[in-house]
C-alpha atoms as a PDB file:
ATOM      1  CA  MET A   1     -24.844  30.799  36.076  1.00  0.00           C
ATOM      2  CA  ASN A   2     -25.237  28.767  32.919  1.00  0.00           C
ATOM      3  CA  ARG A   3     -25.951  25.307  33.937  1.00  0.00           C
ATOM      4  CA  SER A   4     -25.913  23.806  30.402  1.00  0.00           C
ATOM      5  CA  PHE A   5     -22.264  24.252  29.985  1.00  0.00           C
ATOM      6  CA  PRO A   6     -21.224  21.265  31.872  1.00  0.00           C
ATOM      7  CA  TRP A   7     -23.475  19.041  29.806  1.00  0.00           C
ATOM      8  CA  LEU A   8     -22.066  20.437  26.873  1.00  0.00           C
ATOM      9  CA  ALA A   9     -18.644  19.731  27.818  1.00  0.00           C
ATOM     10  CA  ALA A  10     -19.589  16.101  28.919  1.00  0.00           C
ATOM     11  CA  LEU A  11     -21.289  15.461  25.654  1.00  0.00           C
ATOM     12  CA  ALA A  12     -18.329  16.702  23.547  1.00  0.00           C
ATOM     13  CA  ALA A  13     -15.879  14.229  25.649  1.00  0.00           C
ATOM     14  CA  LEU A  14     -18.213  11.303  25.041  1.00  0.00           C
ATOM     15  CA  THR A  15     -18.460  11.929  21.363  1.00  0.00           C
ATOM     16  CA  ALA A  16     -14.674  12.271  20.904  1.00  0.00           C
ATOM     17  CA  CYS A  17     -13.836   9.013  22.484  1.00  0.00           C
ATOM     18  CA  GLY A  18     -15.375   7.016  19.766  1.00  0.00           C
ATOM     19  CA  LYS A  19     -14.189   9.532  16.975  1.00  0.00           C
ATOM     20  CA  GLU A  20     -12.411   7.954  14.153  1.00  0.00           C
ATOM     21  CA  SER A  21      -9.258   9.767  12.617  1.00  0.00           C
ATOM     22  CA  ALA A  22      -7.636   8.902   9.345  1.00  0.00           C
ATOM     23  CA  GLU A  23      -3.987   7.834   9.690  1.00  0.00           C
ATOM     24  CA  ASP A  24      -1.225   9.336   7.371  1.00  0.00           C
ATOM     25  CA  PRO A  25      -0.603   6.619   4.910  1.00  0.00           C
ATOM     26  CA  ALA A  26       3.124   7.287   4.935  1.00  0.00           C
ATOM     27  CA  GLU A  27       3.232   6.945   8.594  1.00  0.00           C
ATOM     28  CA  HIS A  28       1.138   3.632   8.437  1.00  0.00           C
ATOM     29  CA  ALA A  29       3.671   2.251   6.046  1.00  0.00           C
ATOM     30  CA  CYS A  30       6.701   3.304   8.451  1.00  0.00           C
ATOM     31  CA  GLU A  31       4.882   1.634  11.315  1.00  0.00           C
ATOM     32  CA  ASN A  32       4.635  -1.742   9.352  1.00  0.00           C
ATOM     33  CA  VAL A  33       7.754  -1.687   7.270  1.00  0.00           C
ATOM     34  CA  GLY A  34       9.369  -5.063   7.697  1.00  0.00           C
ATOM     35  CA  ALA A  35       6.343  -6.727   9.007  1.00  0.00           C
ATOM     36  CA  ALA A  36       5.178 -10.046   7.023  1.00  0.00           C
ATOM     37  CA  ASP A  37       1.354 -10.206   7.569  1.00  0.00           C
ATOM     38  CA  ALA A  38       1.359 -12.170   4.284  1.00  0.00           C
ATOM     39  CA  THR A  39       3.880 -13.877   1.943  1.00  0.00           C
ATOM     40  CA  LEU A  40       3.552 -14.423  -1.914  1.00  0.00           C
ATOM     41  CA  THR A  41       5.777 -15.798  -4.568  1.00  0.00           C
ATOM     42  CA  ALA A  42       5.831 -13.914  -7.621  1.00  0.00           C
ATOM     43  CA  THR A  43       5.115 -15.959 -10.750  1.00  0.00           C
ATOM     44  CA  ALA A  44       6.770 -16.089 -14.302  1.00  0.00           C
ATOM     45  CA  ASP A  45       3.398 -16.020 -15.867  1.00  0.00           C
ATOM     46  CA  THR A  46       1.036 -12.772 -15.715  1.00  0.00           C
ATOM     47  CA  ALA A  47      -2.029 -15.274 -15.933  1.00  0.00           C
ATOM     48  CA  THR A  48      -1.326 -16.967 -12.706  1.00  0.00           C
ATOM     49  CA  ALA A  49       0.067 -13.997 -10.811  1.00  0.00           C
ATOM     50  CA  PRO A  50      -1.039 -14.069  -7.092  1.00  0.00           C
ATOM     51  CA  ALA A  51      -3.116 -11.003  -5.649  1.00  0.00           C
ATOM     52  CA  LEU A  52      -1.307  -8.482  -3.618  1.00  0.00           C
ATOM     53  CA  ALA A  53      -4.017  -7.569  -0.849  1.00  0.00           C
ATOM     54  CA  GLU A  54      -4.672  -4.072   0.171  1.00  0.00           C
ATOM     55  CA  ASP A  55      -3.460  -2.913   3.499  1.00  0.00           C
ATOM     56  CA  VAL A  56      -1.605  -6.162   4.172  1.00  0.00           C
ATOM     57  CA  ALA A  57       2.341  -5.880   4.651  1.00  0.00           C
ATOM     58  CA  THR A  58       3.541  -8.535   2.185  1.00  0.00           C
ATOM     59  CA  VAL A  59       6.913 -10.265   1.551  1.00  0.00           C
ATOM     60  CA  VAL A  60       7.163 -11.218  -2.025  1.00  0.00           C
ATOM     61  CA  THR A  61       9.634 -13.940  -3.053  1.00  0.00           C
ATOM     62  CA  LEU A  62      11.288 -13.248  -6.298  1.00  0.00           C
ATOM     63  CA  ALA A  63      12.728 -15.382  -9.071  1.00  0.00           C
ATOM     64  CA  GLU A  64      16.433 -15.029  -8.781  1.00  0.00           C
ATOM     65  CA  GLY A  65      17.641 -12.738 -11.298  1.00  0.00           C
ATOM     66  CA  GLY A  66      14.447 -13.013 -13.306  1.00  0.00           C
ATOM     67  CA  VAL A  67      11.011 -11.200 -13.670  1.00  0.00           C
ATOM     68  CA  GLY A  68       8.138 -12.105 -11.581  1.00  0.00           C
ATOM     69  CA  TYR A  69       4.420 -10.980 -11.418  1.00  0.00           C
ATOM     70  CA  VAL A  70       1.897 -10.214  -8.741  1.00  0.00           C
ATOM     71  CA  SER A  71      -1.541  -8.755  -9.419  1.00  0.00           C
ATOM     72  CA  ILE A  72      -3.831  -6.055  -8.030  1.00  0.00           C
ATOM     73  CA  THR A  73      -7.610  -6.304  -8.432  1.00  0.00           C
ATOM     74  CA  LEU A  74     -10.030  -3.483  -7.651  1.00  0.00           C
ATOM     75  CA  GLU A  75     -13.769  -3.383  -7.666  1.00  0.00           C
ATOM     76  CA  ALA A  76     -14.045   0.339  -8.041  1.00  0.00           C
ATOM     77  CA  GLU A  77     -11.877   3.214  -9.100  1.00  0.00           C
ATOM     78  CA  GLU A  78      -9.410   4.095  -6.157  1.00  0.00           C
ATOM     79  CA  ALA A  79      -6.303   6.271  -5.428  1.00  0.00           C
ATOM     80  CA  LEU A  80      -3.666   4.083  -3.810  1.00  0.00           C
ATOM     81  CA  LEU A  81      -0.056   3.979  -2.713  1.00  0.00           C
ATOM     82  CA  LEU A  82       2.338   1.075  -3.206  1.00  0.00           C
ATOM     83  CA  TRP A  83       5.238   1.231  -0.696  1.00  0.00           C
ATOM     84  CA  THR A  84       8.345  -0.863  -1.230  1.00  0.00           C
ATOM     85  CA  GLY A  85      11.110  -1.928   0.994  1.00  0.00           C
ATOM     86  CA  THR A  86      13.786  -1.911  -1.785  1.00  0.00           C
ATOM     87  CA  ALA A  87      14.179   0.628  -4.759  1.00  0.00           C
ATOM     88  CA  ASP A  88      14.008  -0.394  -8.398  1.00  0.00           C
ATOM     89  CA  VAL A  89      12.496  -3.899  -7.827  1.00  0.00           C
ATOM     90  CA  VAL A  90       8.947  -2.716  -9.118  1.00  0.00           C
ATOM     91  CA  THR A  91       9.585  -2.200 -12.677  1.00  0.00           C
ATOM     92  CA  GLY A  92       5.976  -2.095 -14.311  1.00  0.00           C
ATOM     93  CA  LEU A  93       2.391  -1.897 -13.690  1.00  0.00           C
ATOM     94  CA  TRP A  94       0.386  -3.346 -16.678  1.00  0.00           C
ATOM     95  CA  ASP A  95      -3.410  -2.677 -17.412  1.00  0.00           C
ATOM     96  CA  THR A  96      -5.625  -4.864 -19.281  1.00  0.00           C
ATOM     97  CA  SER A  97      -4.869  -3.181 -22.715  1.00  0.00           C
ATOM     98  CA  GLY A  98      -1.139  -4.150 -22.037  1.00  0.00           C
ATOM     99  CA  ALA A  99       0.070  -0.422 -21.256  1.00  0.00           C
ATOM    100  CA  ASP A 100       2.586   0.042 -18.883  1.00  0.00           C
ATOM    101  CA  ILE A 101       1.116   2.720 -16.381  1.00  0.00           C
ATOM    102  CA  LEU A 102       3.691   2.758 -13.611  1.00  0.00           C
ATOM    103  CA  PRO A 103       4.147   6.417 -12.621  1.00  0.00           C
ATOM    104  CA  GLU A 104       7.588   7.447 -11.351  1.00  0.00           C
ATOM    105  CA  GLY A 105       8.435   6.510  -7.791  1.00  0.00           C
ATOM    106  CA  GLY A 106      10.023   8.292  -4.933  1.00  0.00           C
ATOM    107  CA  PRO A 107      10.951   7.670  -1.260  1.00  0.00           C
ATOM    108  CA  ASN A 108       8.646   7.724   1.723  1.00  0.00           C
ATOM    109  CA  GLU A 109       9.761  11.168   3.258  1.00  0.00           C
ATOM    110  CA  LEU A 110       8.988   9.938   6.861  1.00  0.00           C
ATOM    111  CA  CYS A 111      11.340   6.767   6.589  1.00  0.00           C
ATOM    112  CA  ALA A 112      13.204   6.722   3.405  1.00  0.00           C
ATOM    113  CA  GLU A 113      15.906   4.461   4.486  1.00  0.00           C
ATOM    114  CA  ASP A 114      13.225   1.854   5.194  1.00  0.00           C
ATOM    115  CA  ILE A 115      10.994   2.766   2.394  1.00  0.00           C
ATOM    116  CA  PRO A 116      13.172   3.937  -0.289  1.00  0.00           C
ATOM    117  CA  GLU A 117      10.394   3.866  -3.064  1.00  0.00           C
ATOM    118  CA  HIS A 118       6.583   4.356  -3.373  1.00  0.00           C
ATOM    119  CA  PHE A 119       4.148   4.894  -6.184  1.00  0.00           C
ATOM    120  CA  ASP A 120       0.860   6.978  -6.324  1.00  0.00           C
ATOM    121  CA  LEU A 121      -1.683   5.149  -8.168  1.00  0.00           C
ATOM    122  CA  ASP A 122      -4.809   6.308  -9.449  1.00  0.00           C
ATOM    123  CA  LEU A 123      -6.415   2.925 -10.917  1.00  0.00           C
ATOM    124  CA  GLY A 124      -9.859   2.086 -12.060  1.00  0.00           C
ATOM    125  CA  ALA A 125     -11.964  -0.925 -11.473  1.00  0.00           C
ATOM    126  CA  GLY A 126     -10.150  -3.963 -12.970  1.00  0.00           C
ATOM    127  CA  THR A 127      -7.070  -6.160 -12.591  1.00  0.00           C
ATOM    128  CA  TYR A 128      -3.607  -5.037 -12.916  1.00  0.00           C
ATOM    129  CA  VAL A 129      -0.257  -6.996 -13.108  1.00  0.00           C
ATOM    130  CA  LEU A 130       2.638  -5.560 -11.175  1.00  0.00           C
ATOM    131  CA  GLU A 131       6.141  -6.559 -12.540  1.00  0.00           C
ATOM    132  CA  LEU A 132       8.854  -7.102 -10.236  1.00  0.00           C
ATOM    133  CA  GLY A 133      12.504  -7.494 -11.185  1.00  0.00           C
ATOM    134  CA  PRO A 134      14.796  -8.625 -12.419  1.00  0.00           C
ATOM    135  CA  SER A 135      16.580  -7.692  -9.241  1.00  0.00           C
ATOM    136  CA  ALA A 136      19.626  -8.875  -7.293  1.00  0.00           C
ATOM    137  CA  VAL A 137      17.477  -9.337  -4.377  1.00  0.00           C
ATOM    138  CA  THR A 138      15.358 -12.626  -3.686  1.00  0.00           C
ATOM    139  CA  GLU A 139      12.416 -10.811  -1.982  1.00  0.00           C
ATOM    140  CA  VAL A 140      10.928  -7.578  -1.458  1.00  0.00           C
ATOM    141  CA  TRP A 141       8.525  -6.078   1.280  1.00  0.00           C
ATOM    142  CA  LEU A 142       5.276  -4.445  -0.509  1.00  0.00           C
ATOM    143  CA  MET A 143       2.267  -2.778   1.021  1.00  0.00           C
ATOM    144  CA  LEU A 144      -0.536  -1.411  -0.887  1.00  0.00           C
ATOM    145  CA  THR A 145      -2.632   1.349   1.087  1.00  0.00           C
ATOM    146  CA  PRO A 146      -5.366   3.764   0.300  1.00  0.00           C
ATOM    147  CA  ALA A 147      -4.063   7.219  -0.626  1.00  0.00           C
ATOM    148  CA  GLU A 148      -6.232   8.872   1.745  1.00  0.00           C
ATOM    149  CA  GLY A 149      -5.531   6.770   4.871  1.00  0.00           C
ATOM    150  CA  HIS A 150      -7.713   4.757   6.828  1.00  0.00           C
ATOM    151  CA  GLY A 151      -9.586   5.029   9.980  1.00  0.00           C
ATOM    152  CA  HIS A 152      -8.496   4.326  13.575  1.00  0.00           C
ATOM    153  CA  ASP A 153     -10.394   4.830  16.781  1.00  0.00           C
ATOM    154  CA  GLU A 154      -9.071   7.310  18.887  1.00  0.00           C
END
């Protein structure tokens, strides 16, 4: 009889307890849709646009019928997903050269009714300005997450 087998099974069970797994970003967004961990007011001036934090469900108040801006600042190159609770509100993403680099959006396939639009963003280090509106809505739910998910203890 092999006496090391119970030790190996116990060791495997112990190491699995603290194991970290990456949560699917789409699932994470669905779980947080509608949450308001932060609030911002979009500004009419790109120079004073408030910063949208990463992995924070944020409700942004928009200027009624006008265009507003929030910013995204990155220390290093990163692949991100921008989730929106209302379609057609995100209308531009401007880099430091003034180029609009907003890719085409699409719904979150796991909860398309709650998150009708998201954008896959591959951004380098720097500050970007996100254009919101004009829109008939006065606020929009946004969430910026890492494209590859983030860890949670199992």
